[in-house]
């Protein structure tokens, strides 16, 4: 079989590899998005909203690493 159909064997091997690597989003109800949201984006977004709600510009997030910059980070969405 390997001598007569190398493209079929390669396709099956590639499909098997992709199934192993991406088994969580393909076979379960897990996805890629929830991993970063909980650990990074939700606390940063809460700090930004709390800053604006308190009528101050959210410049830093003092709870992390002796102050993580919020206004200078484009991922925080401060402005």
PDB file of N, CA and C in Angstrom:
ATOM      1  N   UNK A   1       0.829  -1.200   0.000  1.00  0.00           N
ATOM      2  CA  UNK A   1       0.000   0.000   0.000  1.00  0.00           C
ATOM      3  C   UNK A   1       0.870   1.259   0.000  1.00  0.00           C
ATOM      4  N   UNK A   2       2.015   1.227   0.645  1.00  0.00           N
ATOM      5  CA  UNK A   2       2.821   2.428   0.711  1.00  0.00           C
ATOM      6  C   UNK A   2       3.445   2.773  -0.622  1.00  0.00           C
ATOM      7  N   UNK A   3       3.709   1.791  -1.464  1.00  0.00           N
ATOM      8  CA  UNK A   3       4.323   2.077  -2.745  1.00  0.00           C
ATOM      9  C   UNK A   3       3.339   2.576  -3.775  1.00  0.00           C
ATOM     10  N   UNK A   4       2.071   2.183  -3.654  1.00  0.00           N
ATOM     11  CA  UNK A   4       1.098   2.527  -4.688  1.00  0.00           C
ATOM     12  C   UNK A   4       0.322   3.801  -4.385  1.00  0.00           C
ATOM     13  N   UNK A   5       0.182   4.156  -3.117  1.00  0.00           N
ATOM     14  CA  UNK A   5      -0.637   5.321  -2.757  1.00  0.00           C
ATOM     15  C   UNK A   5       0.078   6.197  -1.718  1.00  0.00           C
ATOM     16  N   UNK A   6       1.177   6.826  -2.078  1.00  0.00           N
ATOM     17  CA  UNK A   6       1.886   7.640  -1.077  1.00  0.00           C
ATOM     18  C   UNK A   6       1.102   8.891  -0.678  1.00  0.00           C
ATOM     19  N   UNK A   7       0.318   9.454  -1.583  1.00  0.00           N
ATOM     20  CA  UNK A   7      -0.459  10.654  -1.247  1.00  0.00           C
ATOM     21  C   UNK A   7      -1.558  10.319  -0.244  1.00  0.00           C
ATOM     22  N   UNK A   8      -2.170   9.151  -0.391  1.00  0.00           N
ATOM     23  CA  UNK A   8      -3.210   8.731   0.546  1.00  0.00           C
ATOM     24  C   UNK A   8      -2.608   8.485   1.931  1.00  0.00           C
ATOM     25  N   UNK A   9      -1.464   7.840   1.981  1.00  0.00           N
ATOM     26  CA  UNK A   9      -0.810   7.584   3.260  1.00  0.00           C
ATOM     27  C   UNK A   9      -0.395   8.896   3.929  1.00  0.00           C
ATOM     28  N   UNK A  10       0.136   9.830   3.155  1.00  0.00           N
ATOM     29  CA  UNK A  10       0.505  11.133   3.706  1.00  0.00           C
ATOM     30  C   UNK A  10      -0.723  11.876   4.222  1.00  0.00           C
ATOM     31  N   UNK A  11      -1.812  11.833   3.475  1.00  0.00           N
ATOM     32  CA  UNK A  11      -3.039  12.526   3.898  1.00  0.00           C
ATOM     33  C   UNK A  11      -3.595  11.935   5.188  1.00  0.00           C
ATOM     34  N   UNK A  12      -3.578  10.628   5.311  1.00  0.00           N
ATOM     35  CA  UNK A  12      -4.067   9.992   6.538  1.00  0.00           C
ATOM     36  C   UNK A  12      -3.162  10.308   7.728  1.00  0.00           C
ATOM     37  N   UNK A  13      -1.864  10.324   7.505  1.00  0.00           N
ATOM     38  CA  UNK A  13      -0.935  10.659   8.584  1.00  0.00           C
ATOM     39  C   UNK A  13      -1.103  12.111   9.020  1.00  0.00           C
ATOM     40  N   UNK A  14      -1.285  13.016   8.058  1.00  0.00           N
ATOM     41  CA  UNK A  14      -1.488  14.427   8.393  1.00  0.00           C
ATOM     42  C   UNK A  14      -2.809  14.627   9.128  1.00  0.00           C
ATOM     43  N   UNK A  15      -3.858  13.956   8.693  1.00  0.00           N
ATOM     44  CA  UNK A  15      -5.152  14.060   9.374  1.00  0.00           C
ATOM     45  C   UNK A  15      -5.055  13.521  10.800  1.00  0.00           C
ATOM     46  N   UNK A  16      -4.340  12.429  10.984  1.00  0.00           N
ATOM     47  CA  UNK A  16      -4.159  11.880  12.331  1.00  0.00           C
ATOM     48  C   UNK A  16      -3.363  12.821  13.228  1.00  0.00           C
ATOM     49  N   UNK A  17      -2.320  13.427  12.687  1.00  0.00           N
ATOM     50  CA  UNK A  17      -1.523  14.386  13.460  1.00  0.00           C
ATOM     51  C   UNK A  17      -2.350  15.607  13.854  1.00  0.00           C
ATOM     52  N   UNK A  18      -3.127  16.133  12.910  1.00  0.00           N
ATOM     53  CA  UNK A  18      -3.974  17.290  13.218  1.00  0.00           C
ATOM     54  C   UNK A  18      -5.042  16.945  14.244  1.00  0.00           C
ATOM     55  N   UNK A  19      -5.559  15.732  14.187  1.00  0.00           N
ATOM     56  CA  UNK A  19      -6.555  15.302  15.160  1.00  0.00           C
ATOM     57  C   UNK A  19      -5.951  15.210  16.559  1.00  0.00           C
ATOM     58  N   UNK A  20      -4.710  14.743  16.653  1.00  0.00           N
ATOM     59  CA  UNK A  20      -4.047  14.657  17.953  1.00  0.00           C
ATOM     60  C   UNK A  20      -3.737  16.054  18.485  1.00  0.00           C
ATOM     61  N   UNK A  21      -3.228  16.935  17.638  1.00  0.00           N
ATOM     62  CA  UNK A  21      -2.822  18.265  18.091  1.00  0.00           C
ATOM     63  C   UNK A  21      -4.034  19.122  18.467  1.00  0.00           C
ATOM     64  N   UNK A  22      -5.100  19.044  17.689  1.00  0.00           N
ATOM     65  CA  UNK A  22      -6.281  19.884  17.918  1.00  0.00           C
ATOM     66  C   UNK A  22      -7.449  19.081  18.481  1.00  0.00           C
ATOM     67  N   UNK A  23      -7.171  18.108  19.349  1.00  0.00           N
ATOM     68  CA  UNK A  23      -8.241  17.261  19.878  1.00  0.00           C
ATOM     69  C   UNK A  23      -9.190  18.022  20.789  1.00  0.00           C
ATOM     70  N   UNK A  24      -8.694  18.990  21.564  1.00  0.00           N
ATOM     71  CA  UNK A  24      -9.578  19.727  22.472  1.00  0.00           C
ATOM     72  C   UNK A  24     -10.668  20.499  21.730  1.00  0.00           C
ATOM     73  N   UNK A  25     -10.335  21.368  20.779  1.00  0.00           N
ATOM     74  CA  UNK A  25     -11.422  22.091  20.117  1.00  0.00           C
ATOM     75  C   UNK A  25     -12.246  21.228  19.165  1.00  0.00           C
ATOM     76  N   UNK A  26     -11.678  20.143  18.664  1.00  0.00           N
ATOM     77  CA  UNK A  26     -12.425  19.312  17.722  1.00  0.00           C
ATOM     78  C   UNK A  26     -13.344  18.296  18.398  1.00  0.00           C
ATOM     79  N   UNK A  27     -12.898  17.698  19.489  1.00  0.00           N
ATOM     80  CA  UNK A  27     -13.632  16.592  20.089  1.00  0.00           C
ATOM     81  C   UNK A  27     -14.324  16.946  21.398  1.00  0.00           C
ATOM     82  N   UNK A  28     -13.953  18.043  22.022  1.00  0.00           N
ATOM     83  CA  UNK A  28     -14.593  18.440  23.279  1.00  0.00           C
ATOM     84  C   UNK A  28     -15.212  19.822  23.106  1.00  0.00           C
ATOM     85  N   UNK A  29     -15.721  20.355  24.174  1.00  0.00           N
ATOM     86  CA  UNK A  29     -16.379  21.656  24.131  1.00  0.00           C
ATOM     87  C   UNK A  29     -15.424  22.785  24.503  1.00  0.00           C
ATOM     88  N   UNK A  30     -14.128  22.543  24.480  1.00  0.00           N
ATOM     89  CA  UNK A  30     -13.141  23.567  24.809  1.00  0.00           C
ATOM     90  C   UNK A  30     -12.684  24.275  23.546  1.00  0.00           C
ATOM     91  N   UNK A  31     -12.244  25.498  23.719  1.00  0.00           N
ATOM     92  CA  UNK A  31     -11.757  26.271  22.584  1.00  0.00           C
ATOM     93  C   UNK A  31     -10.461  26.969  22.921  1.00  0.00           C
ATOM     94  N   UNK A  32     -10.022  27.816  22.012  1.00  0.00           N
ATOM     95  CA  UNK A  32      -8.781  28.538  22.207  1.00  0.00           C
ATOM     96  C   UNK A  32      -8.981  29.832  22.978  1.00  0.00           C
ATOM     97  N   UNK A  33     -10.147  30.421  22.924  1.00  0.00           N
ATOM     98  CA  UNK A  33     -10.357  31.769  23.441  1.00  0.00           C
ATOM     99  C   UNK A  33     -10.363  31.855  24.958  1.00  0.00           C
ATOM    100  N   UNK A  34     -10.827  30.860  25.647  1.00  0.00           N
ATOM    101  CA  UNK A  34     -10.973  30.946  27.087  1.00  0.00           C
ATOM    102  C   UNK A  34      -9.687  30.916  27.864  1.00  0.00           C
ATOM    103  N   UNK A  35      -8.621  30.553  27.253  1.00  0.00           N
ATOM    104  CA  UNK A  35      -7.362  30.405  27.980  1.00  0.00           C
ATOM    105  C   UNK A  35      -6.763  31.744  28.370  1.00  0.00           C
ATOM    106  N   UNK A  36      -6.765  32.718  27.482  1.00  0.00           N
ATOM    107  CA  UNK A  36      -6.193  34.022  27.794  1.00  0.00           C
ATOM    108  C   UNK A  36      -7.185  34.952  28.476  1.00  0.00           C
ATOM    109  N   UNK A  37      -8.446  34.762  28.270  1.00  0.00           N
ATOM    110  CA  UNK A  37      -9.436  35.678  28.833  1.00  0.00           C
ATOM    111  C   UNK A  37      -9.422  35.676  30.347  1.00  0.00           C
ATOM    112  N   UNK A  38      -9.381  34.511  30.921  1.00  0.00           N
ATOM    113  CA  UNK A  38      -9.488  34.414  32.374  1.00  0.00           C
ATOM    114  C   UNK A  38      -8.242  34.953  33.050  1.00  0.00           C
ATOM    115  N   UNK A  39      -7.080  34.633  32.527  1.00  0.00           N
ATOM    116  CA  UNK A  39      -5.843  34.989  33.214  1.00  0.00           C
ATOM    117  C   UNK A  39      -5.361  36.407  32.942  1.00  0.00           C
ATOM    118  N   UNK A  40      -5.640  36.938  31.773  1.00  0.00           N
ATOM    119  CA  UNK A  40      -5.070  38.239  31.426  1.00  0.00           C
ATOM    120  C   UNK A  40      -6.134  39.294  31.163  1.00  0.00           C
ATOM    121  N   UNK A  41      -7.007  39.063  30.222  1.00  0.00           N
ATOM    122  CA  UNK A  41      -7.875  40.126  29.737  1.00  0.00           C
ATOM    123  C   UNK A  41      -8.964  40.531  30.716  1.00  0.00           C
ATOM    124  N   UNK A  42      -9.554  39.607  31.413  1.00  0.00           N
ATOM    125  CA  UNK A  42     -10.649  39.968  32.321  1.00  0.00           C
ATOM    126  C   UNK A  42     -10.153  40.810  33.501  1.00  0.00           C
ATOM    127  N   UNK A  43      -9.042  40.458  34.187  1.00  0.00           N
ATOM    128  CA  UNK A  43      -8.571  41.355  35.259  1.00  0.00           C
ATOM    129  C   UNK A  43      -8.126  42.728  34.760  1.00  0.00           C
ATOM    130  N   UNK A  44      -7.497  42.778  33.587  1.00  0.00           N
ATOM    131  CA  UNK A  44      -7.081  44.068  33.042  1.00  0.00           C
ATOM    132  C   UNK A  44      -8.299  44.916  32.688  1.00  0.00           C
ATOM    133  N   UNK A  45      -9.294  44.292  32.078  1.00  0.00           N
ATOM    134  CA  UNK A  45     -10.505  45.035  31.720  1.00  0.00           C
ATOM    135  C   UNK A  45     -11.238  45.523  32.968  1.00  0.00           C
ATOM    136  N   UNK A  46     -11.253  44.713  34.011  1.00  0.00           N
ATOM    137  CA  UNK A  46     -11.887  45.138  35.264  1.00  0.00           C
ATOM    138  C   UNK A  46     -11.150  46.334  35.863  1.00  0.00           C
ATOM    139  N   UNK A  47      -9.823  46.324  35.819  1.00  0.00           N
ATOM    140  CA  UNK A  47      -9.053  47.451  36.354  1.00  0.00           C
ATOM    141  C   UNK A  47      -9.319  48.725  35.562  1.00  0.00           C
ATOM    142  N   UNK A  48      -9.428  48.610  34.242  1.00  0.00           N
ATOM    143  CA  UNK A  48      -9.709  49.787  33.408  1.00  0.00           C
ATOM    144  C   UNK A  48     -11.107  50.323  33.716  1.00  0.00           C
ATOM    145  N   UNK A  49     -12.090  49.436  33.807  1.00  0.00           N
ATOM    146  CA  UNK A  49     -13.457  49.886  34.092  1.00  0.00           C
ATOM    147  C   UNK A  49     -13.569  50.493  35.486  1.00  0.00           C
ATOM    148  N   UNK A  50     -12.891  49.886  36.458  1.00  0.00           N
ATOM    149  CA  UNK A  50     -12.927  50.448  37.811  1.00  0.00           C
ATOM    150  C   UNK A  50     -12.266  51.820  37.867  1.00  0.00           C
ATOM    151  N   UNK A  51     -11.195  52.014  37.092  1.00  0.00           N
ATOM    152  CA  UNK A  51     -10.545  53.326  37.055  1.00  0.00           C
ATOM    153  C   UNK A  51     -11.451  54.394  36.483  1.00  0.00           C
ATOM    154  N   UNK A  52     -12.079  54.110  35.362  1.00  0.00           N
ATOM    155  CA  UNK A  52     -12.975  55.106  34.767  1.00  0.00           C
ATOM    156  C   UNK A  52     -14.214  55.310  35.623  1.00  0.00           C
ATOM    157  N   UNK A  53     -14.694  54.259  36.277  1.00  0.00           N
ATOM    158  CA  UNK A  53     -15.858  54.392  37.143  1.00  0.00           C
ATOM    159  C   UNK A  53     -15.537  55.275  38.348  1.00  0.00           C
ATOM    160  N   UNK A  54     -14.294  55.228  38.818  1.00  0.00           N
ATOM    161  CA  UNK A  54     -13.875  56.066  39.935  1.00  0.00           C
ATOM    162  C   UNK A  54     -13.435  57.456  39.513  1.00  0.00           C
ATOM    163  N   UNK A  55     -13.702  57.835  38.269  1.00  0.00           N
ATOM    164  CA  UNK A  55     -13.398  59.151  37.709  1.00  0.00           C
ATOM    165  C   UNK A  55     -11.901  59.468  37.740  1.00  0.00           C
ATOM    166  N   UNK A  56     -11.082  58.472  37.432  1.00  0.00           N
ATOM    167  CA  UNK A  56      -9.648  58.678  37.306  1.00  0.00           C
ATOM    168  C   UNK A  56      -9.148  57.926  36.083  1.00  0.00           C
ATOM    169  N   UNK A  57      -8.070  58.399  35.506  1.00  0.00           N
ATOM    170  CA  UNK A  57      -7.483  57.740  34.343  1.00  0.00           C
ATOM    171  C   UNK A  57      -6.728  56.495  34.823  1.00  0.00           C
ATOM    172  N   UNK A  58      -7.063  55.319  34.321  1.00  0.00           N
ATOM    173  CA  UNK A  58      -6.386  54.101  34.774  1.00  0.00           C
ATOM    174  C   UNK A  58      -4.988  53.983  34.156  1.00  0.00           C
ATOM    175  N   UNK A  59      -3.998  54.499  34.861  1.00  0.00           N
ATOM    176  CA  UNK A  59      -2.633  54.494  34.342  1.00  0.00           C
ATOM    177  C   UNK A  59      -1.899  53.193  34.628  1.00  0.00           C
ATOM    178  N   UNK A  60      -2.017  52.686  35.842  1.00  0.00           N
ATOM    179  CA  UNK A  60      -1.320  51.450  36.217  1.00  0.00           C
ATOM    180  C   UNK A  60      -2.286  50.525  36.941  1.00  0.00           C
ATOM    181  N   UNK A  61      -1.923  49.240  36.955  1.00  0.00           N
ATOM    182  CA  UNK A  61      -2.644  48.231  37.727  1.00  0.00           C
ATOM    183  C   UNK A  61      -1.714  47.808  38.863  1.00  0.00           C
ATOM    184  N   UNK A  62      -1.871  48.379  40.063  1.00  0.00           N
ATOM    185  CA  UNK A  62      -0.868  48.200  41.124  1.00  0.00           C
ATOM    186  C   UNK A  62      -0.826  46.790  41.711  1.00  0.00           C
ATOM    187  N   UNK A  63      -1.811  45.957  41.448  1.00  0.00           N
ATOM    188  CA  UNK A  63      -1.859  44.634  42.052  1.00  0.00           C
ATOM    189  C   UNK A  63      -0.872  43.649  41.427  1.00  0.00           C
ATOM    190  N   UNK A  64      -0.356  43.938  40.240  1.00  0.00           N
ATOM    191  CA  UNK A  64       0.490  42.991  39.519  1.00  0.00           C
ATOM    192  C   UNK A  64       1.888  43.570  39.368  1.00  0.00           C
ATOM    193  N   UNK A  65       2.888  42.838  39.797  1.00  0.00           N
ATOM    194  CA  UNK A  65       4.312  43.148  39.572  1.00  0.00           C
ATOM    195  C   UNK A  65       4.685  44.579  39.955  1.00  0.00           C
ATOM    196  N   UNK A  66       4.274  45.039  41.093  1.00  0.00           N
ATOM    197  CA  UNK A  66       4.562  46.397  41.569  1.00  0.00           C
ATOM    198  C   UNK A  66       4.054  47.460  40.599  1.00  0.00           C
ATOM    199  N   UNK A  67       3.000  47.160  39.877  1.00  0.00           N
ATOM    200  CA  UNK A  67       2.377  48.122  38.978  1.00  0.00           C
ATOM    201  C   UNK A  67       2.586  47.790  37.515  1.00  0.00           C
ATOM    202  N   UNK A  68       1.566  47.334  36.868  1.00  0.00           N
ATOM    203  CA  UNK A  68       1.615  47.056  35.433  1.00  0.00           C
ATOM    204  C   UNK A  68       0.962  48.228  34.704  1.00  0.00           C
ATOM    205  N   UNK A  69       1.636  48.786  33.692  1.00  0.00           N
ATOM    206  CA  UNK A  69       1.059  49.940  32.986  1.00  0.00           C
ATOM    207  C   UNK A  69      -0.190  49.556  32.203  1.00  0.00           C
ATOM    208  N   UNK A  70      -1.216  50.350  32.347  1.00  0.00           N
ATOM    209  CA  UNK A  70      -2.453  50.124  31.600  1.00  0.00           C
ATOM    210  C   UNK A  70      -2.586  51.098  30.440  1.00  0.00           C
ATOM    211  N   UNK A  71      -2.335  52.374  30.690  1.00  0.00           N
ATOM    212  CA  UNK A  71      -2.524  53.373  29.648  1.00  0.00           C
ATOM    213  C   UNK A  71      -1.515  53.198  28.527  1.00  0.00           C
ATOM    214  N   UNK A  72      -0.320  52.703  28.820  1.00  0.00           N
ATOM    215  CA  UNK A  72       0.709  52.525  27.792  1.00  0.00           C
ATOM    216  C   UNK A  72       0.552  51.221  27.012  1.00  0.00           C
ATOM    217  N   UNK A  73      -0.291  50.319  27.494  1.00  0.00           N
ATOM    218  CA  UNK A  73      -0.468  49.026  26.837  1.00  0.00           C
ATOM    219  C   UNK A  73      -1.653  49.100  25.881  1.00  0.00           C
ATOM    220  N   UNK A  74      -1.436  48.894  24.588  1.00  0.00           N
ATOM    221  CA  UNK A  74      -2.559  48.974  23.651  1.00  0.00           C
ATOM    222  C   UNK A  74      -3.553  47.830  23.813  1.00  0.00           C
ATOM    223  N   UNK A  75      -3.162  46.720  24.438  1.00  0.00           N
ATOM    224  CA  UNK A  75      -4.079  45.613  24.638  1.00  0.00           C
ATOM    225  C   UNK A  75      -5.095  45.881  25.728  1.00  0.00           C
ATOM    226  N   UNK A  76      -4.837  46.843  26.592  1.00  0.00           N
ATOM    227  CA  UNK A  76      -5.771  47.107  27.688  1.00  0.00           C
ATOM    228  C   UNK A  76      -6.988  47.870  27.234  1.00  0.00           C
ATOM    229  N   UNK A  77      -6.901  48.620  26.153  1.00  0.00           N
ATOM    230  CA  UNK A  77      -8.048  49.372  25.665  1.00  0.00           C
ATOM    231  C   UNK A  77      -8.447  50.515  26.575  1.00  0.00           C
ATOM    232  N   UNK A  78      -7.494  51.151  27.204  1.00  0.00           N
ATOM    233  CA  UNK A  78      -7.796  52.235  28.134  1.00  0.00           C
ATOM    234  C   UNK A  78      -8.441  53.418  27.431  1.00  0.00           C
ATOM    235  N   UNK A  79      -7.930  53.751  26.275  1.00  0.00           N
ATOM    236  CA  UNK A  79      -8.475  54.891  25.549  1.00  0.00           C
ATOM    237  C   UNK A  79      -9.232  54.416  24.339  1.00  0.00           C
TER     238      UNK A  79
END
